[in-house]
Amino acid sequence: MTSQLRRSAVSIPSNIAEGFTRFSNKEYKQFLFISLGSCAELSTQIIIALRLGYFENKEADKLLNEIDEISKMTMSLIKKLNTN
């Protein structure tokens, strides 16, 4: 579970960074959508870990709120790229 959580968490900024180096907004957005998928995956893993007793409610809520904020920022960037 720890390994899976780490992979998902690392995938989020890694895909954003990789997409930034691409030559077109279309490619960049593709990587941003992959990053959003990693956010959803990480949220799901945290919920599963909470239900298995690996997290306290307060700790899981904090992490889920942070992931939600990252998702919102990523969607905002995607929308901004759509207008360019």
C-alpha atoms as a PDB file:
ATOM      1  CA  MET A   1       0.000   0.000   0.000  1.00  0.00           C
ATOM      2  CA  THR A   2       2.809   2.402   0.887  1.00  0.00           C
ATOM      3  CA  SER A   3       4.557   1.743  -2.410  1.00  0.00           C
ATOM      4  CA  GLN A   4       1.353   2.324  -4.384  1.00  0.00           C
ATOM      5  CA  LEU A   5       0.661   5.587  -2.535  1.00  0.00           C
ATOM      6  CA  ARG A   6       4.177   6.808  -3.240  1.00  0.00           C
ATOM      7  CA  ARG A   7       3.992   5.933  -6.945  1.00  0.00           C
ATOM      8  CA  SER A   8       0.713   7.798  -7.348  1.00  0.00           C
ATOM      9  CA  ALA A   9       1.961  10.808  -5.416  1.00  0.00           C
ATOM     10  CA  VAL A  10       5.172  11.020  -7.451  1.00  0.00           C
ATOM     11  CA  SER A  11       3.255  10.592 -10.705  1.00  0.00           C
ATOM     12  CA  ILE A  12       1.279  13.821 -10.205  1.00  0.00           C
ATOM     13  CA  PRO A  13       4.126  16.374 -10.404  1.00  0.00           C
ATOM     14  CA  SER A  14       6.158  14.136 -12.723  1.00  0.00           C
ATOM     15  CA  ASN A  15       3.462  14.225 -15.407  1.00  0.00           C
ATOM     16  CA  ILE A  16       3.001  17.971 -14.999  1.00  0.00           C
ATOM     17  CA  ALA A  17       6.745  18.492 -15.437  1.00  0.00           C
ATOM     18  CA  GLU A  18       6.988  16.141 -18.404  1.00  0.00           C
ATOM     19  CA  GLY A  19       4.039  17.785 -20.126  1.00  0.00           C
ATOM     20  CA  PHE A  20       5.560  21.221 -19.628  1.00  0.00           C
ATOM     21  CA  THR A  21       8.545  20.206 -21.738  1.00  0.00           C
ATOM     22  CA  ARG A  22       6.353  19.211 -24.703  1.00  0.00           C
ATOM     23  CA  PHE A  23       6.125  21.287 -27.835  1.00  0.00           C
ATOM     24  CA  SER A  24       2.386  21.905 -27.957  1.00  0.00           C
ATOM     25  CA  ASN A  25      -0.437  22.762 -25.614  1.00  0.00           C
ATOM     26  CA  LYS A  26      -2.265  19.640 -26.808  1.00  0.00           C
ATOM     27  CA  GLU A  27       0.556  17.400 -25.570  1.00  0.00           C
ATOM     28  CA  TYR A  28       0.871  19.404 -22.346  1.00  0.00           C
ATOM     29  CA  LYS A  29      -2.857  18.996 -21.654  1.00  0.00           C
ATOM     30  CA  GLN A  30      -2.592  15.258 -22.258  1.00  0.00           C
ATOM     31  CA  PHE A  31      -0.023  15.001 -19.447  1.00  0.00           C
ATOM     32  CA  LEU A  32      -2.117  17.259 -17.214  1.00  0.00           C
ATOM     33  CA  PHE A  33      -5.074  14.897 -17.659  1.00  0.00           C
ATOM     34  CA  ILE A  34      -2.817  11.974 -16.746  1.00  0.00           C
ATOM     35  CA  SER A  35      -1.833  13.924 -13.631  1.00  0.00           C
ATOM     36  CA  LEU A  36      -5.530  14.331 -12.768  1.00  0.00           C
ATOM     37  CA  GLY A  37      -5.917  10.581 -13.097  1.00  0.00           C
ATOM     38  CA  SER A  38      -3.071  10.124 -10.644  1.00  0.00           C
ATOM     39  CA  CYS A  39      -4.849  12.501  -8.244  1.00  0.00           C
ATOM     40  CA  ALA A  40      -7.977  10.350  -8.456  1.00  0.00           C
ATOM     41  CA  GLU A  41      -5.912   7.202  -7.969  1.00  0.00           C
ATOM     42  CA  LEU A  42      -4.165   8.654  -4.920  1.00  0.00           C
ATOM     43  CA  SER A  43      -7.478   9.789  -3.405  1.00  0.00           C
ATOM     44  CA  THR A  44      -8.906   6.317  -3.846  1.00  0.00           C
ATOM     45  CA  GLN A  45      -5.857   4.717  -2.261  1.00  0.00           C
ATOM     46  CA  ILE A  46      -6.096   7.055   0.732  1.00  0.00           C
ATOM     47  CA  ILE A  47      -9.775   6.161   1.201  1.00  0.00           C
ATOM     48  CA  ILE A  48      -8.912   2.458   1.042  1.00  0.00           C
ATOM     49  CA  ALA A  49      -6.044   2.933   3.504  1.00  0.00           C
ATOM     50  CA  LEU A  50      -8.391   4.844   5.829  1.00  0.00           C
ATOM     51  CA  ARG A  51     -10.918   2.001   5.731  1.00  0.00           C
ATOM     52  CA  LEU A  52      -8.150  -0.482   6.448  1.00  0.00           C
ATOM     53  CA  GLY A  53      -7.127   1.552   9.488  1.00  0.00           C
ATOM     54  CA  TYR A  54      -3.820   2.904   8.167  1.00  0.00           C
ATOM     55  CA  PHE A  55      -4.954   6.547   8.500  1.00  0.00           C
ATOM     56  CA  GLU A  56      -6.913   8.517  11.044  1.00  0.00           C
ATOM     57  CA  ASN A  57      -9.917  10.465   9.715  1.00  0.00           C
ATOM     58  CA  LYS A  58      -8.280  13.824  10.373  1.00  0.00           C
ATOM     59  CA  GLU A  59      -5.087  12.813   8.565  1.00  0.00           C
ATOM     60  CA  ALA A  60      -6.955  11.362   5.566  1.00  0.00           C
ATOM     61  CA  ASP A  61      -9.190  14.450   5.314  1.00  0.00           C
ATOM     62  CA  LYS A  62      -6.153  16.726   5.241  1.00  0.00           C
ATOM     63  CA  LEU A  63      -4.541  14.698   2.459  1.00  0.00           C
ATOM     64  CA  LEU A  64      -7.767  14.456   0.462  1.00  0.00           C
ATOM     65  CA  ASN A  65      -8.253  18.220   0.714  1.00  0.00           C
ATOM     66  CA  GLU A  66      -4.720  18.815  -0.540  1.00  0.00           C
ATOM     67  CA  ILE A  67      -5.263  16.457  -3.475  1.00  0.00           C
ATOM     68  CA  ASP A  68      -8.547  18.215  -4.261  1.00  0.00           C
ATOM     69  CA  GLU A  69      -6.730  21.564  -4.323  1.00  0.00           C
ATOM     70  CA  ILE A  70      -4.049  20.184  -6.643  1.00  0.00           C
ATOM     71  CA  SER A  71      -6.772  18.805  -8.925  1.00  0.00           C
ATOM     72  CA  LYS A  72      -8.497  22.193  -9.041  1.00  0.00           C
ATOM     73  CA  MET A  73      -5.248  23.974  -9.882  1.00  0.00           C
ATOM     74  CA  THR A  74      -4.512  21.445 -12.611  1.00  0.00           C
ATOM     75  CA  MET A  75      -8.004  21.853 -14.118  1.00  0.00           C
ATOM     76  CA  SER A  76      -7.563  25.617 -14.009  1.00  0.00           C
ATOM     77  CA  LEU A  77      -4.321  25.266 -15.969  1.00  0.00           C
ATOM     78  CA  ILE A  78      -6.027  23.009 -18.529  1.00  0.00           C
ATOM     79  CA  LYS A  79      -8.790  25.594 -18.993  1.00  0.00           C
ATOM     80  CA  LYS A  80      -6.227  28.343 -19.400  1.00  0.00           C
ATOM     81  CA  LEU A  81      -4.408  26.321 -22.073  1.00  0.00           C
ATOM     82  CA  ASN A  82      -7.735  25.873 -23.891  1.00  0.00           C
ATOM     83  CA  THR A  83      -8.085  29.641 -24.265  1.00  0.00           C
ATOM     84  CA  ASN A  84      -4.639  30.044 -25.835  1.00  0.00           C
END
